[in-house]
């Protein structure tokens, strides 16, 4: 949680110091519609590999294990996406990247019950 809180504090500072007319551009940028879904798409291969590896580990808390695999894959997808994303504003990264990471995490939580059963 510390990295998330840190970037949200930085986003708050960026909003506080920005002109009111610039705040929407800081938050939305130009790629807000695609960013979370591109991160999720880039996370998909890692998601599948994580579930395949996690299944062999025989987890006992299936939802938590699925969430961990989804969080890992979402983070990898965000790292890959950041090398190609034209947006560098902290509020954009704080919200849209986090959303892109949370989509595979939620999917892992839901799918963990069925896919990780041994």
Protein backbone atom coordinates (compact mmCIF):
# COMPACT_ATOMS: atom_id res chain seq x y z
CA UNK A 1 0.00 0.00 0.00
CA UNK A 2 2.92 2.38 0.55
CA UNK A 3 3.68 2.90 -3.17
CA UNK A 4 0.00 3.50 -3.91
CA UNK A 5 -0.30 6.02 -1.09
CA UNK A 6 2.90 7.74 -2.17
CA UNK A 7 1.76 8.22 -5.76
CA UNK A 8 -1.67 9.39 -4.60
CA UNK A 9 0.01 12.00 -2.38
CA UNK A 10 2.09 13.13 -5.36
CA UNK A 11 -1.07 13.26 -7.49
CA UNK A 12 -2.76 15.41 -4.83
CA UNK A 13 0.20 17.78 -4.82
CA UNK A 14 0.11 17.98 -8.63
CA UNK A 15 -3.61 18.80 -8.52
CA UNK A 16 -3.13 21.40 -5.79
CA UNK A 17 -0.39 23.21 -7.67
CA UNK A 18 -2.03 23.03 -11.12
CA UNK A 19 -4.23 25.72 -12.58
CA UNK A 20 -7.94 24.78 -12.41
CA UNK A 21 -8.19 24.61 -16.19
CA UNK A 22 -5.29 22.15 -16.41
CA UNK A 23 -6.59 19.63 -13.87
CA UNK A 24 -8.78 17.69 -16.29
CA UNK A 25 -5.86 17.29 -18.69
CA UNK A 26 -3.66 16.05 -15.84
CA UNK A 27 -6.20 13.40 -14.91
CA UNK A 28 -7.51 12.26 -18.29
CA UNK A 29 -4.61 12.89 -20.63
CA UNK A 30 -5.19 11.62 -24.17
CA UNK A 31 -5.27 7.86 -23.60
CA UNK A 32 -7.49 7.38 -20.54
CA UNK A 33 -10.01 5.26 -22.45
CA UNK A 34 -7.41 2.74 -23.60
CA UNK A 35 -4.83 2.69 -20.81
CA UNK A 36 -6.46 0.29 -18.30
CA UNK A 37 -7.50 -2.12 -21.03
CA UNK A 38 -4.08 -2.11 -22.68
CA UNK A 39 -2.47 -2.85 -19.32
CA UNK A 40 -4.95 -5.70 -18.83
CA UNK A 41 -4.22 -7.02 -22.32
CA UNK A 42 -0.47 -6.92 -21.69
CA UNK A 43 -1.03 -8.70 -18.38
CA UNK A 44 -2.94 -11.60 -19.94
CA UNK A 45 0.04 -13.87 -20.79
CA UNK A 46 1.53 -13.35 -17.33
CA UNK A 47 -1.91 -13.96 -15.83
CA UNK A 48 -2.19 -17.33 -17.57
CA UNK A 49 1.36 -18.32 -16.64
CA UNK A 50 0.85 -17.22 -13.02
CA UNK A 51 -2.30 -19.29 -12.69
CA UNK A 52 -0.58 -22.27 -14.26
CA UNK A 53 2.35 -21.97 -11.83
CA UNK A 54 0.11 -21.21 -8.85
CA UNK A 55 -2.00 -24.28 -9.46
CA UNK A 56 1.05 -26.52 -9.02
CA UNK A 57 1.71 -24.88 -5.65
CA UNK A 58 -1.64 -26.21 -4.33
CA UNK A 59 -2.90 -23.02 -2.62
CA UNK A 60 -5.43 -23.36 0.17
CA UNK A 61 -6.95 -19.87 -0.03
CA UNK A 62 -7.97 -19.88 -3.67
CA UNK A 63 -9.38 -16.36 -3.86
CA UNK A 64 -6.33 -14.80 -2.22
CA UNK A 65 -3.97 -16.81 -4.42
CA UNK A 66 -5.92 -15.75 -7.51
CA UNK A 67 -5.82 -12.13 -6.40
CA UNK A 68 -2.05 -12.35 -5.87
CA UNK A 69 -1.54 -13.85 -9.33
CA UNK A 70 -3.76 -11.14 -10.83
CA UNK A 71 -1.96 -8.37 -8.94
CA UNK A 72 1.40 -9.67 -10.13
CA UNK A 73 0.26 -9.93 -13.72
CA UNK A 74 -1.33 -6.46 -13.62
CA UNK A 75 1.88 -4.97 -12.24
CA UNK A 76 3.92 -6.61 -15.00
CA UNK A 77 1.45 -5.33 -17.58
CA UNK A 78 1.75 -1.81 -16.16
CA UNK A 79 5.54 -1.94 -16.30
CA UNK A 80 5.48 -3.04 -19.92
CA UNK A 81 2.88 -0.40 -20.81
CA UNK A 82 4.80 2.43 -19.13
CA UNK A 83 7.58 2.12 -21.70
CA UNK A 84 5.11 2.99 -24.48
CA UNK A 85 2.62 5.32 -22.78
CA UNK A 86 2.80 8.97 -23.85
CA UNK A 87 1.26 10.18 -20.57
CA UNK A 88 3.66 11.21 -17.81
CA UNK A 89 1.37 13.13 -15.47
CA UNK A 90 1.29 11.75 -11.95
CA UNK A 91 -2.52 11.97 -11.53
CA UNK A 92 -2.98 9.99 -14.75
CA UNK A 93 -0.58 7.28 -13.61
CA UNK A 94 -2.03 7.22 -10.10
CA UNK A 95 -5.55 6.48 -11.28
CA UNK A 96 -5.53 4.83 -14.72
CA UNK A 97 -2.51 2.59 -14.15
CA UNK A 98 -3.95 1.48 -10.82
CA UNK A 99 -7.24 0.69 -12.53
CA UNK A 100 -5.34 -1.33 -15.14
CA UNK A 101 -3.64 -3.28 -12.35
CA UNK A 102 -6.87 -3.82 -10.41
CA UNK A 103 -8.74 -5.35 -13.37
CA UNK A 104 -6.53 -8.50 -13.46
CA UNK A 105 -6.53 -8.53 -9.66
CA UNK A 106 -10.33 -8.65 -9.57
CA UNK A 107 -10.38 -11.25 -12.34
CA UNK A 108 -7.89 -13.36 -10.38
CA UNK A 109 -10.03 -13.11 -7.26
CA UNK A 110 -13.11 -14.30 -9.14
CA UNK A 111 -11.39 -16.97 -11.23
CA UNK A 112 -9.20 -18.27 -8.41
CA UNK A 113 -12.04 -20.36 -6.98
CA UNK A 114 -12.40 -22.38 -10.18
CA UNK A 115 -8.99 -22.30 -11.83
CA UNK A 116 -6.84 -23.02 -8.79
CA UNK A 117 -8.88 -25.86 -7.35
CA UNK A 118 -6.78 -29.00 -6.98
